[in-house]
Protein backbone atom coordinates (compact mmCIF):
# COMPACT_ATOMS: atom_id res chain seq x y z
CA MET A 1 25.85 3.41 -6.02
CA VAL A 2 23.29 2.99 -8.88
CA GLU A 3 20.35 3.63 -6.68
CA GLY A 4 22.01 6.66 -5.21
CA ALA A 5 22.50 7.97 -8.70
CA TRP A 6 18.76 7.63 -9.36
CA ALA A 7 18.00 10.20 -6.63
CA GLY A 8 20.88 12.55 -7.68
CA GLU A 9 21.19 14.12 -4.29
CA THR A 10 24.92 14.96 -4.65
CA GLY A 11 27.20 16.11 -7.35
CA TRP A 12 28.87 12.62 -7.51
CA THR A 13 25.55 10.80 -7.93
CA ARG A 14 24.32 13.28 -10.45
CA ALA A 15 27.56 12.63 -12.43
CA VAL A 16 26.99 8.85 -12.27
CA GLY A 17 23.41 9.40 -13.45
CA ALA A 18 24.68 11.35 -16.40
CA VAL A 19 27.01 8.53 -17.34
CA LEU A 20 24.17 6.01 -17.09
CA ALA A 21 21.65 8.01 -19.18
CA PRO A 22 22.81 6.77 -22.60
CA ALA A 23 22.20 3.20 -21.44
CA SER A 24 18.53 4.06 -21.02
CA TRP A 25 18.11 4.48 -24.78
CA PRO A 26 18.57 0.85 -25.83
CA TYR A 27 16.50 -0.23 -22.73
CA ALA A 28 13.71 1.98 -23.89
CA ALA A 29 13.94 0.65 -27.44
CA VAL A 30 13.75 -2.95 -26.34
CA THR A 31 10.86 -2.33 -23.89
CA THR A 32 8.87 -0.44 -26.59
CA LEU A 33 9.47 -3.20 -29.16
CA ARG A 34 8.50 -5.96 -26.75
CA ASN A 35 5.20 -4.16 -25.78
CA ARG A 36 4.40 -3.55 -29.46
CA LEU A 37 5.00 -7.29 -30.31
CA TYR A 38 2.50 -8.11 -27.48
CA ASP A 39 0.04 -5.54 -28.59
CA ALA A 40 0.10 -6.88 -32.13
CA GLY A 41 -0.27 -10.53 -30.98
CA ARG A 42 3.18 -11.48 -32.27
CA LEU A 43 4.20 -12.61 -28.72
CA ALA A 44 1.88 -15.21 -27.26
CA VAL A 45 -0.20 -14.43 -24.12
CA HIS A 46 -1.14 -17.57 -22.07
CA ARG A 47 -4.40 -17.80 -20.16
CA VAL A 48 -5.15 -19.92 -17.07
CA PRO A 49 -8.63 -21.10 -15.89
CA ALA A 50 -8.96 -18.34 -13.32
CA ARG A 51 -9.50 -14.59 -13.15
CA VAL A 52 -5.95 -12.93 -13.03
CA VAL A 53 -5.46 -9.64 -11.28
CA SER A 54 -2.02 -8.17 -11.49
CA VAL A 55 -0.63 -5.65 -8.97
CA GLY A 56 2.42 -3.73 -10.25
CA ASN A 57 3.96 -0.32 -10.85
CA LEU A 58 6.13 1.61 -13.20
CA THR A 59 9.24 1.72 -10.98
CA VAL A 60 11.69 -0.75 -9.39
CA GLY A 61 10.79 -1.44 -5.68
CA GLY A 62 9.34 0.45 -2.78
CA SER A 63 5.89 1.37 -3.96
CA GLY A 64 3.82 -0.68 -1.47
CA LYS A 65 3.10 -3.54 -3.89
CA THR A 66 3.39 -6.26 -1.24
CA PRO A 67 0.90 -4.83 1.28
CA MET A 68 -1.41 -3.81 -1.62
CA THR A 69 -1.27 -7.36 -3.00
CA LEU A 70 -2.01 -8.84 0.32
CA TRP A 71 -4.90 -6.46 0.96
CA LEU A 72 -6.47 -7.17 -2.43
CA ALA A 73 -6.14 -10.89 -1.97
CA GLU A 74 -7.78 -10.75 1.41
CA GLN A 75 -10.64 -8.66 0.15
CA LEU A 76 -11.33 -11.09 -2.71
CA ALA A 77 -11.09 -14.17 -0.42
CA GLY A 78 -13.60 -12.38 1.92
CA ARG A 79 -16.07 -12.39 -0.96
CA GLY A 80 -15.85 -16.14 -1.21
CA ARG A 81 -13.37 -16.37 -4.02
CA ARG A 82 -10.61 -19.06 -3.95
CA VAL A 83 -7.56 -16.85 -4.20
CA ALA A 84 -3.93 -17.75 -4.74
CA LEU A 85 -1.06 -15.38 -4.74
CA VAL A 86 1.48 -15.72 -7.47
CA ALA A 87 4.89 -14.10 -7.62
CA ARG A 88 8.31 -14.64 -9.15
CA GLY A 89 10.05 -15.34 -5.81
CA TYR A 90 12.87 -12.88 -6.34
CA ARG A 91 16.29 -14.32 -5.42
CA LYS A 92 14.89 -17.66 -4.40
CA ARG A 93 17.38 -20.50 -4.43
CA ARG A 94 15.09 -23.31 -5.47
CA ARG A 95 14.49 -23.37 -9.24
CA GLY A 96 11.10 -23.84 -10.86
CA VAL A 97 7.63 -23.53 -9.44
CA VAL A 98 7.47 -23.58 -5.57
CA VAL A 99 4.32 -23.71 -3.37
CA VAL A 100 5.70 -21.43 -0.71
CA GLY A 101 2.64 -21.59 1.74
CA ARG A 102 -0.82 -22.73 2.42
CA ASP A 103 -3.31 -21.91 5.17
CA GLY A 104 -1.14 -19.16 6.61
CA HIS A 105 1.96 -21.35 7.03
CA PRO A 106 5.19 -21.12 5.04
CA LEU A 107 6.25 -24.48 3.62
CA VAL A 108 9.78 -23.42 2.58
CA SER A 109 12.50 -21.14 3.75
CA ALA A 110 13.00 -17.51 2.57
CA SER A 111 16.01 -18.59 0.70
CA ASP A 112 14.11 -21.31 -1.14
CA GLY A 113 10.95 -19.26 -1.83
CA GLY A 114 11.97 -15.61 -1.62
CA ASP A 115 11.65 -13.29 1.42
CA GLU A 116 8.49 -11.47 0.12
CA ALA A 117 6.75 -14.75 -0.75
CA VAL A 118 7.39 -16.21 2.63
CA LEU A 119 6.13 -13.06 4.30
CA LEU A 120 2.96 -13.31 2.20
CA ALA A 121 2.59 -16.95 3.17
CA ARG A 122 2.65 -16.04 6.78
CA ARG A 123 0.05 -13.25 6.33
CA PHE A 124 -2.35 -14.81 3.76
CA ALA A 125 -4.54 -17.73 4.54
CA GLY A 126 -4.50 -19.06 0.90
CA PRO A 127 -1.85 -20.61 -1.22
CA VAL A 128 1.23 -18.67 -2.23
CA VAL A 129 3.02 -19.96 -5.37
CA VAL A 130 6.24 -18.64 -6.96
CA GLY A 131 8.16 -19.36 -10.15
CA GLU A 132 10.40 -17.70 -12.70
CA ASP A 133 7.79 -18.91 -15.21
CA ARG A 134 4.75 -17.23 -13.88
CA VAL A 135 2.45 -18.97 -16.38
CA ALA A 136 3.56 -22.29 -14.97
CA ALA A 137 3.19 -20.93 -11.39
CA ALA A 138 -0.37 -19.72 -12.10
CA ARG A 139 -1.31 -23.06 -13.62
CA VAL A 140 -0.07 -24.74 -10.50
CA ALA A 141 -2.15 -22.28 -8.39
CA CYS A 142 -5.26 -23.24 -10.43
CA GLU A 143 -4.68 -27.02 -10.99
CA GLU A 144 -3.15 -28.05 -7.64
CA CYS A 145 -4.48 -25.38 -5.28
CA GLY A 146 -7.93 -24.88 -6.76
CA ALA A 147 -7.71 -21.12 -7.26
CA ASP A 148 -10.42 -19.31 -9.27
CA VAL A 149 -8.63 -15.93 -8.72
CA VAL A 150 -4.89 -15.44 -9.10
CA VAL A 151 -3.45 -12.20 -7.73
CA LEU A 152 -0.10 -11.64 -9.46
CA ASP A 153 2.36 -9.73 -7.37
CA ASP A 154 4.60 -7.32 -9.37
CA GLY A 155 3.20 -8.43 -12.64
CA PHE A 156 2.54 -5.28 -14.66
CA GLN A 157 5.52 -5.92 -17.02
CA HIS A 158 5.06 -9.64 -17.14
CA ARG A 159 2.69 -9.72 -20.15
CA ARG A 160 3.22 -13.43 -20.96
CA LEU A 161 0.54 -14.35 -18.43
CA GLY A 162 -2.84 -13.09 -19.58
CA ARG A 163 -4.73 -11.06 -17.10
CA ASP A 164 -8.22 -9.56 -16.62
CA LEU A 165 -7.15 -6.48 -14.70
CA ASP A 166 -3.83 -4.61 -14.16
CA VAL A 167 -3.83 -2.58 -11.00
CA VAL A 168 -0.94 -0.04 -11.21
CA LEU A 169 0.54 1.79 -8.22
CA LEU A 170 1.89 5.29 -8.46
CA GLY A 171 3.71 7.06 -5.74
CA ALA A 172 5.96 10.17 -5.33
CA ASP A 173 9.45 8.80 -6.08
CA PRO A 174 12.31 11.17 -6.75
CA ARG A 175 14.24 8.35 -8.31
CA GLY A 176 11.56 7.69 -10.85
CA GLN A 177 12.25 10.37 -13.43
CA ARG A 178 14.32 8.32 -15.89
CA LEU A 179 14.28 4.81 -17.32
CA LEU A 180 16.56 2.04 -16.16
CA PRO A 181 19.48 2.01 -15.60
CA ALA A 182 19.65 5.80 -15.18
CA GLY A 183 16.53 5.90 -13.08
CA SER A 184 14.11 3.53 -11.45
CA LEU A 185 11.52 3.59 -14.13
CA ARG A 186 10.76 0.23 -15.81
CA GLU A 187 8.44 1.86 -18.26
CA GLY A 188 7.34 5.40 -19.03
CA PRO A 189 3.97 6.93 -18.05
CA GLY A 190 2.59 5.97 -21.46
CA ALA A 191 2.36 2.31 -20.19
CA LEU A 192 -0.56 3.35 -17.98
CA ALA A 193 -2.74 3.02 -21.08
CA ARG A 194 -2.64 -0.77 -20.29
CA ALA A 195 -3.90 -0.16 -16.64
CA GLY A 196 -7.38 -1.22 -15.64
CA ALA A 197 -7.05 0.82 -12.35
CA VAL A 198 -4.49 3.12 -10.85
CA VAL A 199 -3.82 3.48 -7.15
CA VAL A 200 -2.11 6.61 -6.00
CA MET A 201 -0.01 5.64 -2.91
CA ASP A 202 0.72 7.87 0.03
CA ASP A 203 0.40 11.20 -1.85
CA PRO A 204 -2.36 13.68 -2.31
CA GLY A 205 -1.59 14.02 -6.06
CA VAL A 206 -0.60 11.76 -8.87
CA TRP A 207 3.17 11.06 -9.02
CA THR A 208 4.98 13.77 -10.86
CA GLY A 209 5.39 13.07 -14.54
CA ALA A 210 2.61 10.38 -14.73
CA VAL A 211 -0.49 11.17 -16.60
CA VAL A 212 -3.43 8.79 -15.95
CA PRO A 213 -5.30 8.21 -19.21
CA ARG A 214 -8.84 9.42 -19.32
CA GLY A 215 -11.28 6.62 -18.41
CA VAL A 216 -8.82 4.70 -16.12
CA PRO A 217 -10.40 4.55 -12.60
CA VAL A 218 -8.23 6.03 -9.84
CA VAL A 219 -8.30 5.20 -6.23
CA ARG A 220 -6.06 6.30 -3.34
CA ALA A 221 -4.21 4.32 -0.68
CA THR A 222 -2.03 4.99 2.31
CA THR A 223 0.26 2.72 4.16
CA ARG A 224 -0.44 2.43 7.93
CA ALA A 225 1.36 0.68 10.74
CA THR A 226 -0.89 -1.63 12.65
CA GLY A 227 1.34 -3.27 15.24
CA LEU A 228 4.70 -4.72 16.21
CA VAL A 229 5.45 -8.40 15.50
CA GLU A 230 7.29 -10.60 17.92
CA ALA A 231 8.34 -14.15 17.13
CA ALA A 232 7.33 -16.79 19.70
CA GLY A 233 8.51 -20.08 18.32
CA ASP A 234 6.66 -20.63 15.10
CA ARG A 235 4.01 -18.11 16.09
CA TRP A 236 4.07 -14.39 15.45
CA LEU A 237 2.46 -12.31 18.15
CA THR A 238 1.17 -8.78 17.47
CA LEU A 239 2.00 -6.19 20.08
CA GLY A 240 0.66 -2.60 20.39
CA LEU A 241 2.36 0.40 18.76
CA GLU A 242 2.28 2.23 21.97
CA ARG A 243 5.49 0.39 22.85
CA LEU A 244 7.26 2.82 20.51
CA ALA A 245 6.10 6.09 22.00
CA GLY A 246 9.02 7.95 23.50
CA GLN A 247 11.35 4.98 23.07
CA SER A 248 14.89 5.07 21.76
CA VAL A 249 15.25 2.28 19.12
CA ALA A 250 17.69 0.97 16.57
CA ALA A 251 16.50 0.17 13.10
CA VAL A 252 17.62 -2.45 10.62
CA ALA A 253 16.11 -2.81 7.11
CA GLY A 254 17.03 -4.35 3.75
CA ILE A 255 14.28 -2.81 1.59
CA ALA A 256 14.02 -0.58 -1.38
CA ARG A 257 12.87 2.66 0.39
CA PRO A 258 14.35 2.50 3.94
CA GLY A 259 13.83 6.30 4.45
CA ARG A 260 10.05 5.71 4.61
CA PHE A 261 10.46 2.96 7.16
CA LEU A 262 12.63 5.25 9.42
CA ALA A 263 10.25 8.12 8.97
CA GLN A 264 7.30 5.81 10.04
CA LEU A 265 9.03 4.90 13.22
CA GLU A 266 9.55 8.56 13.99
CA ARG A 267 5.85 9.40 13.32
CA LEU A 268 4.89 6.61 15.79
CA GLY A 269 6.84 8.43 18.53
CA ALA A 270 10.13 6.45 18.41
CA ARG A 271 13.57 8.06 18.43
CA VAL A 272 15.89 6.27 16.01
CA ARG A 273 19.17 6.33 17.70
CA ASP A 274 20.95 4.21 15.06
CA ALA A 275 20.17 2.48 11.82
CA ARG A 276 21.69 -0.34 9.71
CA ILE A 277 20.51 0.25 6.17
CA LEU A 278 21.16 -2.67 3.73
CA ASP A 279 20.40 -3.47 0.16
CA ASP A 280 16.93 -4.66 -0.82
CA HIS A 281 16.60 -8.47 -0.30
CA HIS A 282 19.92 -8.49 1.79
CA VAL A 283 21.12 -11.92 2.86
CA TYR A 284 21.98 -11.62 6.60
CA GLY A 285 25.30 -12.80 7.96
CA PRO A 286 27.33 -12.94 11.07
CA GLY A 287 28.23 -9.22 10.95
CA ASP A 288 24.63 -8.18 10.84
CA VAL A 289 23.78 -10.43 13.77
CA ALA A 290 26.57 -8.93 15.80
CA TRP A 291 25.41 -5.39 15.03
CA ILE A 292 21.83 -6.23 16.02
CA ALA A 293 22.93 -7.95 19.18
CA ALA A 294 25.01 -5.03 20.22
CA ALA A 295 22.20 -2.62 19.47
CA ALA A 296 19.69 -4.72 21.41
CA ARG A 297 21.77 -4.31 24.52
CA ARG A 298 20.88 -0.63 24.45
CA GLY A 299 17.20 -1.03 23.69
CA ALA A 300 14.70 -2.30 21.18
CA VAL A 301 15.69 -3.17 17.56
CA ILE A 302 12.95 -2.61 15.00
CA THR A 303 12.95 -4.16 11.51
CA THR A 304 10.48 -4.97 8.71
CA GLU A 305 8.43 -8.15 8.41
CA LYS A 306 10.31 -8.89 5.10
CA ASP A 307 13.52 -8.79 7.07
CA LEU A 308 12.13 -10.72 10.04
CA VAL A 309 11.42 -13.87 7.92
CA LYS A 310 15.14 -13.99 7.08
CA LEU A 311 16.47 -13.13 10.51
CA LEU A 312 14.40 -15.92 12.08
CA GLU A 313 15.95 -18.53 9.84
CA LEU A 314 19.43 -17.81 11.21
CA PRO A 315 21.06 -20.40 13.62
CA GLU A 316 20.77 -17.88 16.41
CA PRO A 317 18.11 -15.27 15.55
CA PRO A 318 18.79 -11.90 17.13
CA PRO A 319 16.15 -10.17 19.32
CA VAL A 320 14.17 -7.93 17.05
CA LEU A 321 10.50 -6.62 16.66
CA ALA A 322 9.07 -6.05 13.23
CA LEU A 323 6.74 -3.19 12.17
CA ARG A 324 3.57 -4.53 10.52
CA VAL A 325 1.99 -2.32 7.84
CA THR A 326 -1.24 -2.49 5.87
CA VAL A 327 -2.94 -0.16 3.27
CA ASP A 328 -6.09 1.80 3.59
CA VAL A 329 -7.74 2.22 0.20
CA THR A 330 -10.36 4.92 -0.70
CA PRO A 331 -12.89 3.89 -2.02
CA PRO A 332 -12.16 0.17 -1.18
CA GLU A 333 -15.40 -1.32 -2.57
CA ALA A 334 -14.82 0.09 -6.05
CA LEU A 335 -11.41 -1.47 -6.44
CA VAL A 336 -12.51 -4.85 -4.99
CA ARG A 337 -15.48 -4.99 -7.38
CA LEU A 338 -13.25 -4.23 -10.34
CA ALA A 339 -10.80 -6.96 -9.28
CA ALA A 340 -13.68 -9.43 -8.74
CA GLY A 341 -15.12 -8.64 -12.21
CA GLU A 342 -18.30 -7.26 -10.80
CA ASP A 343 -20.09 -4.17 -11.98
CA VAL A 344 -18.71 -1.10 -10.12
CA VAL A 345 -21.35 0.61 -8.06
CA CYS A 346 -22.37 4.15 -8.76
CA GLY A 347 -22.37 7.16 -6.48
CA GLY A 348 -19.93 7.92 -3.68
CA ASP A 349 -18.09 4.59 -4.01
CA GLN A 350 -17.19 5.18 -7.58
CA PRO A 351 -13.50 5.63 -8.25
CA GLU A 352 -12.19 8.80 -9.91
CA ARG A 353 -11.94 8.61 -13.66
CA ARG A 354 -9.23 10.38 -15.57
């Protein structure tokens, strides 16, 4: 109900949004005070013996942080850096710091490490470490995993861990016009003054209401489907997207912006005959499995990779394919050089400056 109120698409949800609006005032006051204490050095910032690059945004969920984090980590690793991914491990069951994966293999379940972290562990060849205390998680990444670069997933608001660059994603989000809990904004556009680079996602213009401060480099990125993933035992096989063209499919997704997932399937030529839309980070149960099994008898069932890692851990995993997505960044070299701490090249590869 709350997320529906953020969009305000009906009279009822607009009324709920109006009720929630006053609760945004104390949230804004606390957030502002906290940032001022960090800016003044009254709250401690802890450093680790590695370059720290944070990928984050201003809103809650659905901005493309996970594929952007993966892309940036892969680019840095390709330059010979020893990269570790660090995240909170949202809704993970195991407390404390957890090494979720190494060498492209998860070491724990999605319930123990978090669904997004296990997905990253399957996709990234380096270590993936999670923890409620991200300073402690980053230290483990450095001391036990040998990282000289830490890419911090969803870390813009986590100021306790010192970082060398904040990459902030902006996207067109109709929910992101008011602060929590009345809207999806964690911070207002003024927070972009802390950004080292801004990435405008899937939109030709900067997100409505956001003003990128002058001097902050701006690059653009689009999400793009690259294939379908099919589980074969412990291996994930990548199949061609042509399998979707002209096909009637069912879709199941527990993500923050399911509308974008459904639209992506339609753009790839599929006809979505039915959809089961669940809360972000949904924990799958028998009812979900029964729905997927029934849908699979009528044709293919397509989900996201974040959902796939959880579905495969069920006692009897249902037959599904997952849509794999990546990001295309323009210009890519400029952002990677910023993240690596190198001098940004001049000329056509220079990011826009605001």
